[in-house]
Amino acid sequence: MKQVHLSAIAVFGFLLFSGFSRQSFAQRLDLIPAPNELQVSEGKLDLNKGLSLKNEIPQEARKAHRYLLFATGAGSLFSQRNPVYSFRFVKEPSLSGDGFRLASDESGIKIEASSENGFFYACQSLAQLLEVYGSGKFPQFRIQDAPAFTWRGLHLDVSRHFFPVAEIKKMLRTMSLYKLNVFHWHLTDDQGWRIEIKGYPELCKTGSRRKETLVGHAAARPEIMDGVEYGGYYTQEEIRSVVAFADTLGITIVPEIEMPGHSQAAVTAYPWLGVTGKNPGVWTKWGVSPFILAPKDSVFTFLENVLSEVMELFPSKYIHIGGDEATKEQWMESEQVQKKIRELGLKDEHELQSWFIQRIEKFVNAKGRQIIGWDEILEGGLAPNAAVMSWRGETGGIQAAKMKHPVVMSPGNPLYFDHYQSEKSSEPLAIGGLNTLEKVYAYHPLPESLNAEEKKYILGAQANLWTEYIPTESHLEYMAFPRAMALAEACWTAKEKKNYPDFLSRLESHRSLWRRMVVNYREWK
């Protein structure tokens, strides 16, 4: 199987050559996401006759050149004897940021950009075209492109159900092909701790395994358990491998270590982390566990040590610290916690959570990183430098943007990919809701209630794959694709240039590509 390594973040610029005419949507290239500026001619190139690099490679283009040679099918095109076509990397200062121009004509291929990202993203577009059209009948065109948003993300929960490294890398390859550029890796939760921490071996030895798993919906009665032990975790060596692999594809991995709630697996490994001191066992059910981390110095020492190891593994600017669905009952019932609230001069448990998150933020900031959390971190007061991921609709994101904090829009409707894709009875069991391909495509991350200045704080959007009801790799891909392709275009292509019927038409050309990649997907017809 030919592996396709493509990634994500396009650009802006425009190439004006003679001999081209603007085409209708039906005649456009079958690129996903659709380029913002494109012109196509009727000519074809037989690139099997060879490409020859005609100029010195700019420093900014060297990563893109390596990618093109070793991570795509283009390498063999540069090894032909007596090559017919030229290939040029040209540094063009007028193209700011990640902008690029990509052109193919009778003389060969030319890429213009001013930054490493610009050259890289141009090569990713080129690689997708090679995969879709092949090298024998390669189209002639000119493209100028830029992403509408810098954060085009896909989240995967591996705590409820664990997925091996091979599947993670397969997801990354497919993401990058469609210019999704952030992989949010949800590594810890009540149902399992999935990342090796050298300083705390029990997190994986004990916290990664649950004795059994709930069968069917959490609300179903009577509850039925499968009686089968379940577990798994990633070694630090495996994590480094995945992070390095993602980097070759232009993808940033943002790790998530949940706190102070969704921590039952950690409390099981080390009961002193909790409020009650009890060992609850790794949770076997879905929903929200009452177990929460205690707001005491020994717990902060633990979290700082864990995060130090995490930050050594992940070079991302943002470290996700969760902050969602932290039930406060155990804090309310604990004399020690109530004493802590009084000592700190706080009003209630919401302000205590804010204090908790701000203390973690100071540590993360001191390491040169920033925290990002789910929109509950707004409750009780937002940490000074925190970014917000808005999942309970857009309200939290709007509030954070008005406060001049970075925001990633991730509303459950329509960006939770664990929801049903249609109302057909043939759909596999899902958590509920209905997020169709068309709804995902129609989403736009900029709320009209924000003014122009406030909209600058919206980094982009992200879809989330929570895996309570996604137990297998095939099912995971079915839930992700092609909705992830719709998200990619919604975050990349200018709003006024989106066209859903045309998107569906372009999807058709990618079926053979997915078959070669052995990627499962849901039919959209």
Protein backbone atom coordinates (compact mmCIF):
# COMPACT_ATOMS: atom_id res chain seq x y z
CA MET A 1 0.00 0.00 0.00
CA LYS A 2 1.34 3.39 -0.91
CA GLN A 3 1.30 5.61 2.15
CA VAL A 4 0.02 9.13 1.66
CA HIS A 5 1.63 11.73 3.90
CA LEU A 6 -0.15 15.04 3.51
CA SER A 7 -0.87 17.86 5.89
CA ALA A 8 -2.16 21.17 6.43
CA ILE A 9 -2.23 24.98 6.30
CA ALA A 10 -2.43 26.85 3.12
CA VAL A 11 -1.97 30.27 2.01
CA PHE A 12 -2.29 33.27 -0.21
CA GLY A 13 -0.92 34.63 -3.51
CA PHE A 14 -1.93 34.64 -7.18
CA LEU A 15 -0.11 33.68 -10.38
CA LEU A 16 -1.03 35.35 -13.68
CA PHE A 17 0.20 33.41 -16.70
CA SER A 18 -1.21 33.62 -20.22
CA GLY A 19 -3.12 30.69 -21.68
CA PHE A 20 -5.40 30.02 -18.70
CA SER A 21 -9.07 30.81 -18.30
CA ARG A 22 -11.15 30.78 -15.13
CA GLN A 23 -13.15 27.58 -14.83
CA SER A 24 -16.60 26.79 -13.49
CA PHE A 25 -16.92 24.73 -10.29
CA ALA A 26 -17.55 21.59 -12.33
CA GLN A 27 -14.20 22.05 -14.09
CA ARG A 28 -12.15 22.78 -10.99
CA LEU A 29 -9.48 20.48 -9.62
CA ASP A 30 -10.67 17.83 -7.20
CA LEU A 31 -8.68 19.25 -4.32
CA ILE A 32 -10.06 19.12 -0.77
CA PRO A 33 -10.19 21.66 0.72
CA ALA A 34 -10.99 23.80 -2.31
CA PRO A 35 -8.30 26.40 -3.11
CA ASN A 36 -9.34 30.00 -2.69
CA GLU A 37 -7.93 31.01 -6.08
CA LEU A 38 -7.58 28.55 -8.95
CA GLN A 39 -7.30 28.61 -12.71
CA VAL A 40 -7.07 25.50 -14.87
CA SER A 41 -5.96 24.97 -18.45
CA GLU A 42 -6.81 22.06 -20.76
CA GLY A 43 -3.24 20.76 -21.05
CA LYS A 44 -1.83 17.71 -19.25
CA LEU A 45 1.70 16.77 -18.22
CA ASP A 46 3.26 13.31 -18.27
CA LEU A 47 5.42 13.72 -15.20
CA ASN A 48 6.69 10.16 -15.64
CA LYS A 49 9.09 11.78 -18.12
CA GLY A 50 10.84 13.27 -15.14
CA LEU A 51 11.32 16.40 -13.10
CA SER A 52 14.57 18.28 -12.71
CA LEU A 53 15.28 20.72 -9.91
CA LYS A 54 16.39 23.86 -11.73
CA ASN A 55 17.58 26.15 -8.98
CA GLU A 56 19.15 26.22 -5.54
CA ILE A 57 16.65 25.28 -2.86
CA PRO A 58 15.92 28.20 -0.51
CA GLN A 59 16.54 27.44 3.16
CA GLU A 60 12.81 27.85 3.83
CA ALA A 61 11.97 25.16 1.25
CA ARG A 62 14.27 22.39 2.44
CA LYS A 63 11.73 20.70 4.72
CA ALA A 64 9.17 20.79 1.89
CA HIS A 65 11.72 19.30 -0.50
CA ARG A 66 12.48 16.42 1.87
CA TYR A 67 8.78 15.84 2.34
CA LEU A 68 8.18 15.75 -1.39
CA LEU A 69 11.02 13.27 -1.99
CA PHE A 70 10.51 10.88 0.89
CA ALA A 71 6.92 11.14 2.18
CA THR A 72 4.99 11.21 -1.10
CA GLY A 73 4.99 9.40 -4.41
CA ALA A 74 6.92 12.22 -6.08
CA GLY A 75 10.44 11.00 -5.29
CA SER A 76 10.67 8.70 -8.31
CA LEU A 77 9.77 11.56 -10.66
CA PHE A 78 13.08 13.26 -9.81
CA SER A 79 15.16 10.18 -10.62
CA GLN A 80 14.30 9.80 -14.31
CA ARG A 81 17.05 10.05 -16.94
CA ASN A 82 16.95 13.14 -19.14
CA PRO A 83 13.99 14.75 -17.34
CA VAL A 84 11.63 16.76 -19.52
CA TYR A 85 10.08 19.09 -16.94
CA SER A 86 11.55 21.63 -14.55
CA PHE A 87 10.75 22.04 -10.86
CA ARG A 88 11.45 25.32 -9.10
CA PHE A 89 11.27 26.55 -5.51
CA VAL A 90 11.27 30.35 -5.55
CA LYS A 91 11.38 32.55 -2.47
CA GLU A 92 8.85 35.32 -2.97
CA PRO A 93 8.85 37.98 -0.19
CA SER A 94 5.54 39.46 -1.36
CA LEU A 95 3.81 36.30 -0.12
CA SER A 96 3.44 36.94 3.58
CA GLY A 97 3.03 34.35 6.29
CA ASP A 98 2.09 30.90 5.05
CA GLY A 99 1.08 32.07 1.59
CA PHE A 100 2.13 30.18 -1.51
CA ARG A 101 1.64 30.00 -5.23
CA LEU A 102 1.65 26.67 -7.02
CA ALA A 103 1.62 26.46 -10.82
CA SER A 104 1.88 23.69 -13.39
CA ASP A 105 2.38 24.50 -17.09
CA GLU A 106 4.04 22.97 -20.15
CA SER A 107 7.51 23.70 -18.74
CA GLY A 108 6.95 22.04 -15.36
CA ILE A 109 6.05 23.00 -11.79
CA LYS A 110 6.82 26.14 -9.82
CA ILE A 111 6.29 26.87 -6.12
CA GLU A 112 6.59 30.35 -4.65
CA ALA A 113 6.47 31.20 -0.94
CA SER A 114 8.34 33.18 1.69
CA SER A 115 8.15 30.84 4.69
CA GLU A 116 8.85 27.23 5.56
CA ASN A 117 5.14 26.64 6.06
CA GLY A 118 4.27 28.23 2.74
CA PHE A 119 6.59 25.93 0.79
CA PHE A 120 5.48 22.94 2.82
CA TYR A 121 1.77 23.49 2.30
CA ALA A 122 2.27 24.00 -1.43
CA CYS A 123 3.99 20.62 -1.58
CA GLN A 124 1.10 19.05 0.32
CA SER A 125 -1.35 20.38 -2.28
CA LEU A 126 0.91 19.04 -5.00
CA ALA A 127 1.08 15.63 -3.33
CA GLN A 128 -2.71 15.40 -3.08
CA LEU A 129 -3.01 16.21 -6.78
CA LEU A 130 -0.47 13.52 -7.61
CA GLU A 131 -2.48 11.02 -5.59
CA VAL A 132 -5.83 11.99 -7.12
CA TYR A 133 -4.76 12.50 -10.75
CA GLY A 134 -1.60 10.42 -11.01
CA SER A 135 1.64 11.53 -12.65
CA GLY A 136 0.76 10.45 -16.20
CA LYS A 137 -2.07 12.92 -16.76
CA PHE A 138 -1.19 15.68 -14.38
CA PRO A 139 -3.28 18.85 -14.89
CA GLN A 140 -2.01 22.31 -15.74
CA PHE A 141 -3.19 24.97 -13.32
CA ARG A 142 -2.26 27.83 -11.07
CA ILE A 143 -3.26 28.13 -7.44
CA GLN A 144 -3.03 30.83 -4.82
CA ASP A 145 -4.36 29.81 -1.46
CA ALA A 146 -4.51 30.63 2.23
CA PRO A 147 -6.30 29.06 5.17
CA ALA A 148 -9.19 30.94 6.67
CA PHE A 149 -8.11 29.71 10.14
CA THR A 150 -4.85 28.58 11.69
CA TRP A 151 -6.35 25.88 13.96
CA ARG A 152 -7.98 23.09 11.97
CA GLY A 153 -8.17 20.34 14.51
CA LEU A 154 -9.31 16.80 15.14
CA HIS A 155 -9.53 15.37 18.65
CA LEU A 156 -9.33 11.71 19.64
CA ASP A 157 -10.22 10.26 23.02
CA VAL A 158 -8.12 7.14 23.65
CA SER A 159 -9.18 6.74 27.30
CA ARG A 160 -12.63 5.23 26.76
CA HIS A 161 -11.29 3.05 23.95
CA PHE A 162 -7.61 2.67 23.16
CA PHE A 163 -6.16 2.75 19.64
CA PRO A 164 -2.69 1.46 18.72
CA VAL A 165 0.12 3.58 17.34
CA ALA A 166 -0.44 2.26 13.81
CA GLU A 167 -4.01 3.58 13.82
CA ILE A 168 -2.93 6.93 15.28
CA LYS A 169 -0.41 7.33 12.46
CA LYS A 170 -3.02 6.33 9.91
CA MET A 171 -5.34 9.01 11.26
CA LEU A 172 -2.51 11.55 11.06
CA ARG A 173 -1.75 10.65 7.45
CA THR A 174 -5.39 11.07 6.50
CA MET A 175 -5.74 14.32 8.45
CA SER A 176 -2.71 15.83 6.81
CA LEU A 177 -3.87 14.87 3.35
CA TYR A 178 -6.80 17.24 3.90
CA LYS A 179 -4.80 19.98 5.61
CA LEU A 180 -6.02 19.42 9.16
CA ASN A 181 -3.07 20.58 11.21
CA VAL A 182 -3.80 19.99 14.93
CA PHE A 183 -4.27 16.58 16.54
CA HIS A 184 -5.70 16.90 20.06
CA TRP A 185 -4.74 13.68 21.87
CA HIS A 186 -7.00 13.06 24.87
CA LEU A 187 -4.72 10.81 26.92
CA THR A 188 -6.23 10.61 30.42
CA ASP A 189 -9.69 10.22 31.86
CA ASP A 190 -11.77 8.24 34.36
CA GLN A 191 -11.73 5.12 32.19
CA GLY A 192 -7.99 4.89 31.60
CA TRP A 193 -4.61 6.61 31.83
CA ARG A 194 -2.82 6.15 28.49
CA ILE A 195 0.59 7.89 28.69
CA GLU A 196 3.68 6.49 30.41
CA ILE A 197 5.00 8.75 33.16
CA LYS A 198 8.38 7.54 34.39
CA GLY A 199 8.06 9.17 37.80
CA TYR A 200 4.68 7.55 38.52
CA PRO A 201 4.66 4.00 37.13
CA GLU A 202 1.36 3.05 38.76
CA LEU A 203 -0.46 5.43 36.40
CA CYS A 204 0.02 2.87 33.64
CA LYS A 205 0.46 -0.30 35.67
CA THR A 206 -2.84 0.26 37.50
CA GLY A 207 -4.54 3.30 35.97
CA SER A 208 -4.51 2.07 32.38
CA ARG A 209 -6.66 -1.02 33.02
CA ARG A 210 -10.33 -1.37 33.95
CA LYS A 211 -11.78 -4.69 35.01
CA GLU A 212 -14.69 -4.52 32.56
CA THR A 213 -16.71 -2.14 30.39
CA LEU A 214 -20.32 -1.07 30.22
CA VAL A 215 -22.27 -2.54 27.33
CA GLY A 216 -24.58 -0.18 25.45
CA HIS A 217 -25.81 3.23 26.54
CA ALA A 218 -24.97 4.67 29.93
CA ALA A 219 -28.66 5.41 30.55
CA ALA A 220 -29.76 1.84 29.81
CA ARG A 221 -31.21 -0.16 32.68
CA PRO A 222 -30.36 -2.67 33.88
CA GLU A 223 -26.66 -2.00 33.40
CA ILE A 224 -24.80 -4.80 31.63
CA MET A 225 -21.05 -5.28 31.91
CA ASP A 226 -18.97 -7.32 29.48
CA GLY A 227 -16.77 -8.88 32.16
CA VAL A 228 -13.62 -8.40 30.06
CA GLU A 229 -10.55 -6.57 31.37
CA TYR A 230 -9.61 -3.67 29.09
CA GLY A 231 -6.53 -1.49 28.87
CA GLY A 232 -3.51 -0.15 27.05
CA TYR A 233 -1.09 2.78 27.11
CA TYR A 234 1.60 4.45 25.02
CA THR A 235 5.23 4.25 26.07
CA GLN A 236 7.27 7.41 25.91
CA GLU A 237 9.22 5.91 23.02
CA GLU A 238 5.95 5.40 21.12
CA ILE A 239 4.83 8.95 21.90
CA ARG A 240 8.10 10.37 20.56
CA SER A 241 7.63 8.31 17.40
CA VAL A 242 4.13 9.66 16.86
CA VAL A 243 5.15 13.27 17.57
CA ALA A 244 8.07 13.04 15.12
CA PHE A 245 5.83 11.42 12.51
CA ALA A 246 3.24 14.18 12.90
CA ASP A 247 5.92 16.83 12.48
CA THR A 248 6.86 15.43 9.06
CA LEU A 249 3.21 15.88 8.10
CA GLY A 250 2.91 19.46 9.35
CA ILE A 251 0.68 18.44 12.26
CA THR A 252 1.02 19.72 15.83
CA ILE A 253 -0.05 17.30 18.56
CA VAL A 254 -1.68 18.93 21.59
CA PRO A 255 -1.76 16.51 24.56
CA GLU A 256 -4.55 16.61 27.12
CA ILE A 257 -4.03 15.69 30.77
CA GLU A 258 -7.38 16.06 32.53
CA MET A 259 -7.70 17.99 35.81
CA PRO A 260 -9.17 18.45 38.33
CA GLY A 261 -12.09 16.22 37.30
CA HIS A 262 -12.17 13.19 34.97
CA SER A 263 -9.34 11.86 37.14
CA GLN A 264 -10.64 8.56 38.53
CA ALA A 265 -7.93 6.52 36.78
CA ALA A 266 -5.21 8.68 38.35
CA VAL A 267 -6.86 8.47 41.78
CA THR A 268 -7.02 4.70 41.40
CA ALA A 269 -3.27 4.57 40.77
CA TYR A 270 -2.51 6.91 43.68
CA PRO A 271 -5.50 7.28 46.05
CA TRP A 272 -3.80 10.12 47.94
CA LEU A 273 -4.46 12.30 44.88
CA GLY A 274 -8.16 12.28 45.67
CA VAL A 275 -10.26 13.98 48.30
CA THR A 276 -11.50 10.85 50.07
CA GLY A 277 -8.28 8.80 50.07
CA LYS A 278 -10.28 5.84 48.74
CA ASN A 279 -9.31 3.65 45.79
CA PRO A 280 -12.33 3.77 43.44
CA GLY A 281 -10.95 1.50 40.72
CA VAL A 282 -10.64 2.63 37.12
CA TRP A 283 -14.17 3.52 36.05
CA THR A 284 -16.04 0.91 34.05
CA LYS A 285 -18.96 3.17 33.07
CA TRP A 286 -19.51 6.25 30.91
CA GLY A 287 -20.61 9.69 31.99
CA VAL A 288 -19.04 11.89 34.69
CA SER A 289 -17.29 10.40 37.71
CA PRO A 290 -17.51 12.19 41.08
CA PHE A 291 -13.82 11.62 41.79
CA ILE A 292 -11.82 14.84 41.68
CA LEU A 293 -8.25 15.78 42.53
CA ALA A 294 -7.64 17.34 45.93
CA PRO A 295 -6.43 20.99 45.95
CA LYS A 296 -3.32 20.31 48.06
CA ASP A 297 0.41 20.82 47.61
CA SER A 298 1.27 17.14 47.10
CA VAL A 299 -1.23 16.97 44.23
CA PHE A 300 0.28 20.04 42.57
CA THR A 301 3.72 18.47 42.92
CA PHE A 302 2.36 15.38 41.18
CA LEU A 303 0.77 17.42 38.39
CA GLU A 304 3.90 19.52 37.87
CA ASN A 305 6.04 16.39 37.62
CA VAL A 306 3.59 14.77 35.20
CA LEU A 307 3.34 17.89 33.06
CA SER A 308 7.13 18.24 33.02
CA GLU A 309 7.40 14.79 31.44
CA VAL A 310 4.54 15.57 29.07
CA MET A 311 6.17 18.80 27.91
CA GLU A 312 9.42 16.96 27.24
CA LEU A 313 7.50 14.68 24.87
CA PHE A 314 5.29 17.27 23.19
CA PRO A 315 6.81 20.51 21.84
CA SER A 316 3.41 22.10 21.21
CA LYS A 317 2.74 25.69 22.29
CA TYR A 318 -0.47 24.61 24.01
CA ILE A 319 -0.92 21.97 26.70
CA HIS A 320 -4.56 20.99 27.25
CA ILE A 321 -5.48 20.67 30.91
CA GLY A 322 -9.15 19.68 30.51
CA GLY A 323 -11.10 21.48 33.23
CA ASP A 324 -14.48 20.18 32.07
CA GLU A 325 -17.27 18.46 33.97
CA ALA A 326 -15.47 18.66 37.32
CA THR A 327 -18.22 17.72 39.75
CA LYS A 328 -17.73 19.50 43.04
CA GLU A 329 -19.59 17.22 45.51
CA GLN A 330 -16.43 15.76 47.03
CA TRP A 331 -15.01 19.25 47.46
CA MET A 332 -18.27 20.40 49.07
CA GLU A 333 -18.26 17.48 51.51
CA SER A 334 -14.60 17.74 52.53
CA GLU A 335 -13.73 19.73 55.64
CA GLN A 336 -10.15 20.13 54.41
CA VAL A 337 -11.26 21.51 51.06
CA GLN A 338 -13.73 23.89 52.68
CA LYS A 339 -10.95 25.08 54.99
CA LYS A 340 -8.79 25.67 51.89
CA ILE A 341 -11.52 27.79 50.31
CA ARG A 342 -11.72 29.94 53.45
CA GLU A 343 -7.92 30.27 53.72
CA LEU A 344 -7.72 31.46 50.12
CA GLY A 345 -10.58 33.90 50.60
CA LEU A 346 -12.59 32.32 47.81
CA LYS A 347 -16.35 32.47 47.41
CA ASP A 348 -17.10 28.89 46.37
CA GLU A 349 -15.93 25.70 44.64
CA HIS A 350 -16.06 27.35 41.21
CA GLU A 351 -13.53 29.93 42.35
CA LEU A 352 -11.48 27.09 43.85
CA GLN A 353 -11.33 25.43 40.44
CA SER A 354 -10.26 28.72 38.90
CA TRP A 355 -7.50 29.01 41.54
CA PHE A 356 -6.50 25.41 40.77
CA ILE A 357 -6.24 26.09 37.03
CA GLN A 358 -4.38 29.39 37.56
CA ARG A 359 -1.79 27.65 39.74
CA ILE A 360 -1.22 25.08 36.99
CA GLU A 361 -1.08 27.86 34.40
CA LYS A 362 1.74 29.63 36.25
CA PHE A 363 3.78 26.45 36.16
CA VAL A 364 3.10 25.78 32.48
CA ASN A 365 3.84 29.41 31.56
CA ALA A 366 7.14 29.19 33.46
CA LYS A 367 8.04 26.34 31.10
CA GLY A 368 7.40 28.59 28.09
CA ARG A 369 4.04 27.04 27.20
CA GLN A 370 0.37 28.03 27.42
CA ILE A 371 -2.63 26.16 28.71
CA ILE A 372 -5.84 25.54 26.83
CA GLY A 373 -8.94 24.12 28.49
CA TRP A 374 -12.59 23.36 27.89
CA ASP A 375 -14.95 26.29 28.41
CA GLU A 376 -15.67 25.39 32.05
CA ILE A 377 -12.35 27.04 32.92
CA LEU A 378 -14.22 30.33 32.51
CA GLU A 379 -16.26 29.56 35.63
CA GLY A 380 -14.96 31.32 38.71
CA GLY A 381 -12.57 33.46 36.65
CA LEU A 382 -10.39 32.68 33.63
CA ALA A 383 -6.65 32.14 34.09
CA PRO A 384 -4.75 35.19 32.73
CA ASN A 385 -3.09 33.57 29.69
CA ALA A 386 -5.40 30.64 29.02
CA ALA A 387 -6.94 29.71 25.69
CA VAL A 388 -10.48 28.35 25.65
CA MET A 389 -11.94 25.45 23.70
CA SER A 390 -15.67 26.12 23.44
CA TRP A 391 -17.69 22.88 23.40
CA ARG A 392 -20.98 23.78 25.11
CA GLY A 393 -22.07 25.74 22.08
CA GLU A 394 -20.27 28.98 21.21
CA THR A 395 -21.15 31.01 24.32
CA GLY A 396 -17.92 30.28 26.17
CA GLY A 397 -15.86 31.04 23.08
CA ILE A 398 -17.65 34.33 22.56
CA GLN A 399 -17.10 35.29 26.19
CA ALA A 400 -13.39 34.40 26.02
CA ALA A 401 -12.87 36.29 22.74
CA LYS A 402 -14.47 39.39 24.25
CA MET A 403 -11.94 39.00 27.09
CA LYS A 404 -9.15 38.87 24.45
CA HIS A 405 -8.25 35.22 24.99
CA PRO A 406 -7.48 32.79 22.15
CA VAL A 407 -10.43 30.54 21.27
CA VAL A 408 -10.94 27.28 19.42
CA MET A 409 -14.56 26.68 18.49
CA SER A 410 -15.63 23.09 19.06
CA PRO A 411 -19.40 23.14 19.65
CA GLY A 412 -21.09 19.78 20.16
CA ASN A 413 -23.50 20.74 17.41
CA PRO A 414 -22.15 20.15 14.76
CA LEU A 415 -18.55 19.23 15.65
CA TYR A 416 -18.96 16.19 17.89
CA PHE A 417 -18.21 13.31 15.57
CA ASP A 418 -19.42 10.75 18.11
CA HIS A 419 -22.96 11.86 17.16
CA TYR A 420 -25.11 10.09 14.60
CA GLN A 421 -24.59 10.89 10.91
CA SER A 422 -28.17 10.22 9.85
CA GLU A 423 -31.48 9.07 11.25
CA LYS A 424 -31.26 5.71 9.48
CA SER A 425 -31.67 2.66 11.71
CA SER A 426 -28.60 1.14 10.06
CA GLU A 427 -26.26 3.61 11.77
CA PRO A 428 -24.04 2.04 14.46
CA LEU A 429 -24.71 2.88 18.10
CA ALA A 430 -23.69 6.44 18.97
CA ILE A 431 -24.02 8.68 22.00
CA GLY A 432 -26.92 10.62 20.43
CA GLY A 433 -27.42 13.85 18.53
CA LEU A 434 -27.32 14.31 14.77
CA ASN A 435 -24.34 15.91 13.04
CA THR A 436 -24.62 15.28 9.32
CA LEU A 437 -21.93 15.85 6.71
CA GLU A 438 -23.82 18.90 5.43
CA LYS A 439 -24.11 20.43 8.92
CA VAL A 440 -20.37 20.05 9.45
CA TYR A 441 -19.62 21.61 6.07
CA ALA A 442 -21.90 24.57 6.77
CA TYR A 443 -20.21 25.45 10.06
CA HIS A 444 -18.33 28.75 10.28
CA PRO A 445 -16.27 29.48 13.41
CA LEU A 446 -16.80 33.27 13.51
CA PRO A 447 -19.91 34.27 15.50
CA GLU A 448 -21.65 37.34 14.11
CA SER A 449 -21.97 38.73 17.62
CA LEU A 450 -18.22 39.43 17.72
CA ASN A 451 -16.81 42.62 16.27
CA ALA A 452 -13.84 42.63 13.89
CA GLU A 453 -11.27 43.01 16.66
CA GLU A 454 -12.80 40.23 18.78
CA LYS A 455 -12.92 37.86 15.82
CA LYS A 456 -9.13 37.97 15.65
CA TYR A 457 -9.04 35.82 18.78
CA ILE A 458 -10.83 32.91 17.08
CA LEU A 459 -8.01 30.55 16.09
CA GLY A 460 -10.27 28.15 14.24
CA ALA A 461 -12.32 25.04 14.88
CA GLN A 462 -11.96 21.43 15.94
CA ALA A 463 -14.07 18.29 15.74
CA ASN A 464 -14.06 15.82 18.61
CA LEU A 465 -14.17 12.03 18.59
CA TRP A 466 -15.22 10.77 22.02
CA THR A 467 -15.03 6.99 22.00
CA GLU A 468 -17.49 5.56 24.53
CA TYR A 469 -19.36 4.00 21.61
CA ILE A 470 -16.44 3.72 19.15
CA PRO A 471 -14.64 0.49 20.10
CA THR A 472 -12.82 -0.42 16.86
CA GLU A 473 -10.51 1.18 14.32
CA SER A 474 -12.96 0.62 11.46
CA HIS A 475 -15.76 2.26 13.46
CA LEU A 476 -13.48 5.18 14.34
CA GLU A 477 -12.76 5.87 10.68
CA TYR A 478 -16.44 5.50 9.79
CA MET A 479 -17.31 8.22 12.30
CA ALA A 480 -14.43 10.48 11.22
CA PHE A 481 -14.55 10.33 7.43
CA PRO A 482 -15.71 12.12 5.34
CA ARG A 483 -16.95 14.52 8.04
CA ALA A 484 -13.32 15.45 8.75
CA MET A 485 -12.92 16.45 5.09
CA ALA A 486 -15.96 18.72 5.43
CA LEU A 487 -14.43 20.28 8.54
CA ALA A 488 -11.14 20.80 6.69
CA GLU A 489 -12.86 22.79 3.96
CA ALA A 490 -15.01 24.70 6.46
CA CYS A 491 -11.83 25.86 8.23
CA TRP A 492 -9.70 26.44 5.15
CA THR A 493 -11.76 27.82 2.29
CA ALA A 494 -13.20 31.33 2.47
CA LYS A 495 -16.85 31.25 3.56
CA GLU A 496 -18.11 32.91 0.38
CA LYS A 497 -16.30 30.33 -1.79
CA LYS A 498 -17.70 27.22 -0.13
CA ASN A 499 -20.08 25.16 -2.26
CA TYR A 500 -21.56 21.97 -0.79
CA PRO A 501 -22.71 20.30 -4.06
CA ASP A 502 -19.26 20.91 -5.52
CA PHE A 503 -17.67 19.48 -2.37
CA LEU A 504 -19.70 16.29 -2.79
CA SER A 505 -18.63 16.09 -6.42
CA ARG A 506 -14.96 16.41 -5.46
CA LEU A 507 -15.36 13.73 -2.77
CA GLU A 508 -16.17 11.20 -5.48
CA SER A 509 -12.65 11.48 -6.90
CA HIS A 510 -11.14 10.51 -3.56
CA ARG A 511 -12.75 7.08 -3.20
CA SER A 512 -9.89 5.29 -4.95
CA LEU A 513 -7.37 7.16 -2.80
CA TRP A 514 -9.08 6.00 0.39
CA ARG A 515 -9.13 2.43 -0.89
CA ARG A 516 -5.38 2.57 -1.48
CA MET A 517 -4.90 3.96 2.02
CA VAL A 518 -7.31 1.31 3.42
CA VAL A 519 -9.33 4.05 5.10
CA ASN A 520 -12.89 3.20 6.06
CA TYR A 521 -15.52 5.88 5.51
CA ARG A 522 -19.25 6.42 5.58
CA GLU A 523 -21.16 6.66 2.32
CA TRP A 524 -22.67 10.12 1.85
CA LYS A 525 -25.18 9.37 -0.91
